Protein backbone atom coordinates (compact mmCIF):
# COMPACT_ATOMS: atom_id res chain seq x y z
CA MET A 1 48.40 -46.84 -71.78
CA LYS A 2 45.16 -47.64 -69.81
CA SER A 3 43.62 -44.78 -67.72
CA THR A 4 43.65 -46.36 -64.09
CA ALA A 5 40.43 -43.05 -63.33
CA PRO A 6 37.83 -45.99 -63.30
CA LEU A 7 39.55 -48.42 -60.66
CA LEU A 8 40.38 -45.35 -58.22
CA THR A 9 36.58 -44.41 -58.77
CA CYS A 10 35.64 -48.28 -57.75
CA LEU A 11 37.89 -48.04 -54.77
CA THR A 12 36.79 -44.56 -53.43
CA ALA A 13 32.95 -45.85 -53.84
CA ALA A 14 33.90 -49.19 -52.17
CA ALA A 15 35.82 -47.32 -48.89
CA VAL A 16 32.55 -44.57 -48.41
CA VAL A 17 30.32 -47.72 -48.64
CA ALA A 18 32.38 -49.09 -45.32
CA ALA A 19 32.73 -46.31 -43.97
CA ALA A 20 29.19 -45.57 -43.96
CA ALA A 21 28.41 -49.07 -42.89
CA ASP A 22 30.77 -48.89 -39.81
CA VAL A 23 29.31 -46.00 -38.39
CA ARG A 24 25.89 -47.53 -38.76
CA ALA A 25 27.14 -50.33 -37.01
CA ALA A 26 28.87 -48.69 -34.20
CA GLY A 27 26.75 -45.73 -33.16
CA ARG A 28 24.04 -45.03 -35.68
CA LEU A 29 24.08 -41.20 -35.31
CA LEU A 30 22.29 -40.19 -38.77
CA PRO A 31 20.07 -42.77 -39.63
CA GLY A 32 19.06 -42.69 -43.65
CA PRO A 33 20.36 -44.16 -46.60
CA VAL A 34 24.20 -45.07 -47.01
CA PRO A 35 25.58 -42.25 -49.30
CA GLN A 36 26.77 -43.10 -52.64
CA LEU A 37 29.30 -41.35 -54.61
CA PRO A 38 28.37 -40.14 -58.21
CA PRO A 39 30.22 -41.67 -61.16
CA ALA A 40 32.82 -39.26 -62.43
CA GLY A 41 31.21 -36.40 -64.64
CA GLY A 42 27.71 -36.82 -63.89
CA GLN A 43 25.25 -36.88 -61.32
CA ALA A 44 24.08 -40.22 -58.83
CA PRO A 45 21.26 -42.03 -60.62
CA GLY A 46 18.32 -41.76 -58.88
CA ASN A 47 18.86 -38.50 -57.38
CA GLN A 48 17.44 -36.34 -60.10
CA SER A 49 13.75 -36.11 -60.75
CA PRO A 50 12.09 -35.58 -63.78
CA GLY A 51 11.33 -32.36 -64.56
CA GLY A 52 15.08 -31.31 -63.30
CA GLN A 53 14.19 -30.93 -59.76
CA SER A 54 16.40 -32.35 -56.85
CA PRO A 55 14.61 -34.19 -54.29
CA GLY A 56 15.56 -31.32 -51.71
CA ASN A 57 13.35 -28.99 -53.53
CA LEU A 58 10.00 -30.65 -54.01
CA GLY A 59 8.47 -27.21 -55.67
CA PRO A 60 7.52 -23.94 -54.58
CA GLY A 61 6.53 -23.70 -51.14
CA ARG A 62 7.46 -27.45 -50.41
CA GLN A 63 10.36 -28.60 -48.92
CA GLN A 64 12.00 -31.78 -47.59
CA PRO A 65 12.29 -32.34 -43.51
CA LEU A 66 15.77 -31.76 -42.77
CA VAL A 67 15.92 -34.42 -40.24
CA PRO A 68 14.70 -38.03 -41.32
CA ALA A 69 12.15 -40.25 -39.39
CA GLU A 70 13.41 -41.70 -36.17
CA PRO A 71 14.65 -45.61 -36.91
CA GLU A 72 13.19 -48.57 -34.98
CA TYR A 73 16.18 -48.62 -32.49
CA ARG A 74 18.51 -46.43 -31.34
CA ASP A 75 20.94 -45.99 -28.20
CA PRO A 76 19.38 -43.51 -25.92
CA LEU A 77 23.20 -42.17 -25.26
CA ASP A 78 23.81 -41.84 -29.24
CA PRO A 79 23.44 -37.87 -30.08
CA ILE A 80 21.53 -36.58 -32.96
CA TRP A 81 22.49 -33.44 -34.52
CA THR A 82 19.85 -31.04 -35.92
CA ARG A 83 20.28 -28.06 -38.09
CA HIS A 84 18.59 -24.79 -36.77
CA ASP A 85 16.99 -21.96 -38.94
CA SER A 86 18.90 -19.09 -38.66
CA VAL A 87 17.99 -16.75 -36.03
CA GLN A 88 16.91 -12.97 -36.81
CA GLN A 89 19.23 -10.57 -35.68
CA PHE A 90 18.51 -8.20 -33.05
CA GLN A 91 17.25 -5.00 -34.46
CA GLY A 92 16.99 -3.07 -31.47
CA PHE A 93 14.55 -1.58 -28.92
CA PRO A 94 11.56 -0.44 -30.02
CA THR A 95 11.14 3.42 -29.98
CA PHE A 96 8.26 6.12 -29.34
CA PRO A 97 7.85 8.68 -31.78
CA SER A 98 9.57 11.97 -30.70
CA ARG A 99 6.64 14.18 -31.42
CA LEU A 100 4.64 11.91 -28.61
CA LEU A 101 2.94 14.90 -26.14
CA GLY A 102 2.19 14.23 -23.04
CA TYR A 103 3.50 10.69 -22.76
CA GLY A 104 3.83 9.58 -18.85
CA LYS A 105 0.73 11.56 -17.67
CA TYR A 106 -1.56 8.60 -17.86
CA PRO A 107 -3.90 8.60 -16.55
CA GLY A 108 -4.05 12.02 -16.39
CA GLN A 109 -4.95 14.85 -18.92
CA ALA A 110 -2.36 14.89 -21.40
CA ALA A 111 -1.45 17.72 -24.04
CA PRO A 112 -4.15 18.03 -26.94
CA GLY A 113 -2.96 15.42 -29.75
CA GLY A 114 -0.78 13.62 -26.82
CA LEU A 115 -1.06 10.17 -25.64
CA GLY A 116 -4.14 10.99 -23.58
CA ASP A 117 -6.16 12.11 -26.41
CA LEU A 118 -5.50 8.39 -27.85
CA LEU A 119 -6.04 6.41 -25.05
CA ARG A 120 -8.93 8.43 -24.69
CA GLN A 121 -9.04 8.05 -20.38
CA PRO A 122 -10.63 10.67 -18.09
CA SER A 123 -8.50 11.68 -14.70
CA LEU A 124 -8.84 9.75 -11.94
CA PRO A 125 -11.40 11.06 -9.31
CA PRO A 126 -9.84 12.72 -6.45
CA ALA A 127 -9.65 10.35 -3.05
CA LEU A 128 -12.47 10.06 -0.37
CA PRO A 129 -11.10 11.67 2.77
CA THR A 130 -9.92 9.16 5.78
CA PRO A 131 -10.97 9.42 8.90
CA PRO A 132 -8.59 10.65 11.48
CA GLY A 133 -6.77 7.71 12.94
CA TRP A 134 -3.50 5.60 12.77
CA PRO A 135 -2.10 5.25 9.20
CA ALA A 136 -4.11 2.79 6.82
CA TRP A 137 -1.38 0.11 6.82
CA VAL A 138 -1.59 -0.14 10.96
CA ARG A 139 -5.62 -0.38 10.26
CA ALA A 140 -5.06 -3.09 7.26
CA ARG A 141 -2.88 -5.38 9.64
CA ASN A 142 -4.99 -4.95 13.05
CA GLU A 143 -8.00 -6.99 13.24
CA LYS A 144 -9.16 -5.40 16.69
CA PRO A 145 -9.58 -1.48 16.16
CA LEU A 146 -6.72 0.68 18.45
CA PRO A 147 -7.32 3.26 20.17
CA PHE A 148 -6.75 6.78 18.87
CA ALA A 149 -6.16 10.00 21.65
CA PRO A 150 -4.11 12.10 22.56
CA ASP A 151 -2.84 10.06 25.87
CA VAL A 152 -2.40 6.81 23.60
CA ALA A 153 0.86 5.56 21.94
CA LEU A 154 0.90 3.17 19.21
CA LEU A 155 4.30 0.50 19.69
CA ILE A 156 5.13 -1.25 16.30
CA ARG A 157 7.54 -3.93 16.93
CA HIS A 158 9.40 -4.13 13.32
CA GLY A 159 12.30 -6.81 14.21
CA ASP A 160 13.55 -9.21 17.32
CA ARG A 161 12.70 -8.79 20.77
CA VAL A 162 10.99 -6.16 21.98
CA TRP A 163 9.55 -5.51 25.50
CA PHE A 164 7.18 -3.43 27.20
CA GLN A 165 6.09 -2.43 30.47
CA ASP A 166 2.54 -0.70 31.32
CA ALA A 167 2.43 1.91 34.34
CA GLY A 168 1.55 0.12 37.44
CA GLU A 169 3.35 -3.30 35.89
CA PRO A 170 5.81 -5.28 37.74
CA ALA A 171 7.33 -6.76 34.71
CA ALA A 172 8.16 -6.72 31.18
CA VAL A 173 6.74 -8.60 28.59
CA PRO A 174 8.00 -9.42 24.93
CA LEU A 175 6.08 -8.75 22.03
CA TYR A 176 6.27 -12.30 19.98
CA PHE A 177 6.49 -12.66 16.09
CA HIS A 178 2.73 -13.16 16.08
CA ASP A 179 2.12 -9.55 18.38
CA LYS A 180 3.03 -6.42 16.32
CA PHE A 181 1.35 -3.89 17.75
CA ARG A 182 0.21 -2.62 21.24
CA ALA A 183 -1.42 0.75 22.66
CA LEU A 184 0.27 2.11 25.40
CA ALA A 185 -0.29 5.02 28.03
CA ALA A 186 1.65 7.59 29.84
CA GLY A 187 4.28 5.67 32.40
CA ALA A 188 4.65 2.80 29.90
CA VAL A 189 8.48 1.54 28.98
CA VAL A 190 9.74 0.33 26.06
CA GLU A 191 13.07 -1.47 25.58
CA VAL A 192 15.23 -4.04 23.50
CA ARG A 193 17.89 -5.74 25.79
CA HIS A 194 19.93 -7.43 22.79
CA GLU A 195 18.59 -6.81 18.90
CA GLY A 196 15.59 -5.07 17.75
CA ASP A 197 13.77 -2.16 16.45
CA PHE A 198 10.86 -0.47 17.01
CA GLU A 199 8.62 2.49 16.15
CA LEU A 200 6.35 4.47 18.24
CA LEU A 201 3.77 6.50 16.77
CA LEU A 202 1.86 9.38 18.93
CA HIS A 203 -1.39 11.19 18.30
CA GLU A 204 -0.48 13.00 15.02
CA SER A 205 2.52 14.60 16.58
CA THR A 206 5.31 12.30 16.92
CA ARG A 207 7.05 9.37 15.56
CA ILE A 208 10.15 7.73 17.21
CA VAL A 209 11.99 5.01 15.43
CA ALA A 210 14.66 3.23 17.83
CA ALA A 211 17.35 0.42 16.63
CA GLY A 212 19.58 -1.61 18.96
CA PRO A 213 19.63 -1.83 22.70
CA THR A 214 17.23 1.13 23.93
CA ARG A 215 15.01 1.97 27.20
CA LEU A 216 12.76 4.82 27.03
CA GLN A 217 9.72 5.90 29.02
CA LEU A 218 6.69 7.68 28.04
CA VAL A 219 6.31 10.19 30.84
CA GLU A 220 3.99 12.76 30.06
CA MET A 221 1.46 12.42 26.67
CA THR A 222 -1.64 14.97 27.01
CA PRO A 223 -2.71 17.39 24.14
CA GLU A 224 -0.28 20.18 24.93
CA LEU A 225 3.31 18.44 26.04
CA VAL A 226 4.91 14.82 24.89
CA GLN A 227 7.70 14.48 27.34
CA VAL A 228 9.75 11.04 26.63
CA GLN A 229 12.90 9.69 28.85
CA VAL A 230 15.43 8.19 27.31
CA SER A 231 17.41 6.19 29.51
CA SER A 232 19.89 4.01 26.92
CA LEU A 233 19.74 3.95 23.44
CA THR A 234 21.63 3.10 20.28
CA ARG A 235 20.19 4.76 17.47
CA LEU A 236 16.87 7.33 17.61
CA ASP A 237 15.35 8.91 15.02
CA ILE A 238 13.01 11.45 16.17
CA SER A 239 10.15 13.64 14.14
CA ALA A 240 7.99 15.70 16.58
CA GLY A 241 5.27 18.37 15.66
CA GLY A 242 2.25 19.75 16.51
CA ARG A 243 2.80 19.45 20.36
CA ALA A 244 5.66 20.38 22.46
CA HIS A 245 8.04 17.92 23.13
CA ASN A 246 10.56 17.61 25.55
CA ILE A 247 13.24 14.37 24.98
CA LEU A 248 15.33 13.63 28.18
CA LEU A 249 18.62 12.23 27.14
CA PRO A 250 20.56 9.63 29.31
CA ASP A 251 22.95 12.96 29.95
CA GLY A 252 20.41 14.88 31.97
CA SER A 253 20.31 17.34 29.12
CA GLU A 254 16.81 17.71 27.37
CA LEU A 255 15.91 18.74 23.89
CA ARG A 256 13.27 21.17 23.76
CA ILE A 257 10.75 21.34 20.71
CA ALA A 258 8.41 24.35 21.01
CA ALA A 259 4.81 23.95 19.46
CA ALA A 260 4.88 26.05 16.86
CA ALA A 261 1.93 25.59 14.24
CA ALA A 262 3.19 28.29 11.61
CA ALA A 263 6.61 27.29 11.41
CA GLU A 264 6.06 23.47 11.00
CA ALA A 265 3.71 24.43 8.37
CA ILE A 266 6.54 26.06 6.07
CA ASP A 267 9.38 23.64 7.06
CA GLY A 268 7.88 20.64 8.64
CA PRO A 269 8.43 18.97 11.91
CA VAL A 270 11.35 19.27 14.04
CA VAL A 271 13.94 15.96 12.81
CA VAL A 272 16.55 15.27 15.50
CA GLN A 273 19.15 11.61 15.05
CA VAL A 274 20.89 10.52 17.97
CA LEU A 275 23.36 7.94 17.03
CA ARG A 276 25.67 6.16 19.84
CA ALA A 277 29.21 6.19 19.16
CA ASP A 278 31.17 2.77 18.61
CA GLU A 279 33.50 2.39 21.29
CA PRO A 280 33.81 0.71 24.17
CA GLY A 281 31.68 0.88 27.39
CA CYS A 282 33.95 1.87 29.91
CA TYR A 283 34.32 5.03 28.60
CA GLY A 284 30.82 5.98 29.44
CA GLY A 285 30.22 6.03 26.14
CA ARG A 286 29.02 9.44 23.67
CA ALA A 287 26.49 10.47 21.19
CA THR A 288 25.88 12.50 18.42
CA LEU A 289 22.81 14.66 18.29
CA ALA A 290 22.29 16.17 14.93
CA ASN A 291 19.54 18.26 13.49
CA ARG A 292 18.19 16.72 10.25
CA GLY A 293 15.13 19.17 9.76
CA LYS A 294 14.72 23.06 8.76
CA ARG A 295 13.59 23.92 11.92
CA ALA A 296 15.91 24.76 14.94
CA VAL A 297 16.37 22.76 17.83
CA LEU A 298 16.98 24.26 21.33
CA TRP A 299 19.46 21.74 23.54
CA HIS A 300 19.33 22.56 27.14
CA THR A 301 22.20 21.34 29.07
CA SER A 302 24.05 21.77 32.69
CA HIS A 303 26.73 24.21 30.70
CA GLY A 304 23.89 26.14 29.28
CA ASP A 305 21.55 26.10 26.03
CA VAL A 306 22.61 25.24 22.82
CA GLN A 307 20.59 25.99 19.35
CA LEU A 308 21.20 23.44 16.87
CA GLN A 309 20.32 24.89 13.34
CA ARG A 310 19.47 22.96 10.04
CA ASP A 311 22.44 20.20 9.45
CA GLU A 312 24.42 21.01 12.78
CA ARG A 313 25.96 18.09 15.15
CA ALA A 314 27.21 18.11 18.82
CA THR A 315 28.43 15.18 20.72
CA LEU A 316 27.37 14.68 24.25
CA PHE A 317 28.50 11.79 26.84
CA LEU A 318 25.79 9.74 27.85
CA SER A 319 26.81 9.10 31.50
CA PRO A 320 25.60 12.04 33.57
CA PRO A 321 28.51 14.26 34.78
CA THR A 322 29.63 13.37 38.84
CA THR A 323 29.75 17.09 39.25
CA SER A 324 27.37 20.16 38.87
CA ILE A 325 29.54 22.66 36.07
CA ALA A 326 27.95 25.67 35.83
CA LEU A 327 28.59 27.70 32.43
CA PRO A 328 27.72 31.44 33.92
CA LEU A 329 31.54 32.95 35.25
CA THR A 330 31.16 33.97 38.77
CA ALA A 331 33.41 36.19 40.89
CA GLU A 332 34.43 36.72 44.50
CA GLY A 333 36.18 39.60 45.22
CA LEU A 334 36.67 41.25 42.22
CA GLN A 335 34.55 42.44 39.43
CA MET A 336 35.08 40.78 35.81
CA VAL A 337 33.84 43.15 33.05
CA PRO A 338 33.44 41.95 29.29
CA ASP A 339 35.11 44.32 26.68
CA GLY A 340 32.61 43.43 23.95
CA GLN A 341 35.40 41.71 21.64
CA GLY A 342 35.27 38.47 23.11
CA ALA A 343 37.25 39.19 26.43
CA CYS A 344 36.48 39.64 30.27
CA GLY A 345 39.07 40.75 32.96
CA GLY A 346 39.21 42.39 36.07
CA ARG A 347 41.87 43.36 38.67
CA SER A 348 41.45 42.06 42.24
CA PRO A 349 42.63 44.68 45.43
CA ALA A 350 42.34 42.62 48.28
CA GLY A 351 42.34 38.89 46.50
CA GLY A 352 39.34 37.07 45.03
CA GLU A 353 38.03 33.79 43.08
CA VAL A 354 36.91 33.34 39.87
CA ARG A 355 34.62 30.42 38.64
CA TRP A 356 33.85 29.65 34.92
CA CYS A 357 32.86 26.06 32.96
CA GLY A 358 34.19 24.09 35.75
CA ALA A 359 37.63 25.88 36.33
CA ALA A 360 38.47 27.85 39.73
CA PHE A 361 41.02 30.55 39.85
CA VAL A 362 42.45 32.36 42.95
CA VAL A 363 43.64 35.73 42.14
CA PRO A 364 46.03 37.29 44.70
CA ALA A 365 46.04 40.40 45.82
CA GLY A 366 46.36 43.09 43.30
CA GLY A 367 46.63 40.68 40.47
CA THR A 368 44.54 40.48 37.27
CA LEU A 369 42.75 38.24 35.35
CA ARG A 370 41.92 37.61 31.94
CA PHE A 371 39.61 35.53 29.72
CA ASP A 372 39.74 35.68 25.86
CA SER A 373 37.42 33.80 23.50
CA LEU A 374 39.15 31.59 21.06
CA LEU A 375 36.11 31.84 18.71
CA GLY A 376 33.09 34.44 19.03
CA ASP A 377 31.78 36.18 22.16
CA ALA A 378 31.12 33.79 25.05
CA PHE A 379 30.61 37.03 27.45
CA ARG A 380 28.04 38.76 25.55
CA PRO A 381 24.76 40.02 27.68
CA ALA A 382 22.83 37.74 26.56
CA ALA A 383 21.58 34.99 29.13
CA ALA A 384 18.18 36.85 29.69
CA ALA A 385 17.56 35.83 26.32
CA THR A 386 18.55 32.38 26.01
CA THR A 387 16.70 32.14 29.33
CA ALA A 388 13.33 32.90 27.63
CA ALA A 389 13.88 30.77 24.92
CA ALA A 390 14.33 28.05 26.63
CA THR A 391 10.88 28.16 28.34
CA PRO A 392 9.06 25.74 26.67
């Protein structure tokens, strides 16, 4: 019985040669010689070089290129597949020695044996004293020198349209995109009519940042006092120090900031934020007054004086009251006597009238009226001390 292995080997080799020829004719993906099937029981002729080395290994340090040379013609739309060398795996980020002292202090002096000794860099020399004037970023951006005096304020436009009107001028003028700075004197008016934000810098004392529709006037600027009238606002951030300040709010109330150099050296300037409530304008508008600094702020209203301590906040109406409301208690025809525990009362032998916080109470003959504070003692005799503290 004859073996069929030689016949199958020949058929298989013929099929491989035909398939390789079809691939070359159709796409010519990988140029090169047509692969040959080695005979059974041995290697293909010509693949074994003298000395027992294969064509893929030409000796130490010499490797056959993986991609053969380009043929004379290749369709540009046909892909060419290549093998990439193995990529080294990620070994982690570099680390510093655990005993490296003084790291992060460059270029200053470090501990002995630390990074400072390795770099051999001396400490930086102290900065040269700068002359008094506006901040360095203002001087760098402005071509012409700006006046720097206690009676001068610097208007800085940060975004959108900001209008200003000097004292004595008939109309306001907008600051365009190329006009960032403007020196203002007392009596000038600054406003934002739609969208915009600006900043006012005063001589070594005050910084006012406004955003949204705003209108304010620099009423007075002297070496001792700064007075600003705010007619409308959306958001105001006020940082005041050095001189005494009076900030007149739209409802007629007033922020009074006394000049206190000793307190300012310890706690810094007074920082106040006035933020308008987001509600329809038909209600007249409300705003919150918050003390963001460490020093107390005196808020003088028609109802009396309020001391805003650190992180305290109060709500105010932006429209002035139509009638004057007096906070002190007044009585006619009887005497109201506080008991020292938050209550106050009295008896009228012939009838009388008592007014307090805008409300009027008519007491008949022989009647008795008594007020009781829900929180604290509203009738303590401290009016004289409050009036003295309110005087700037």
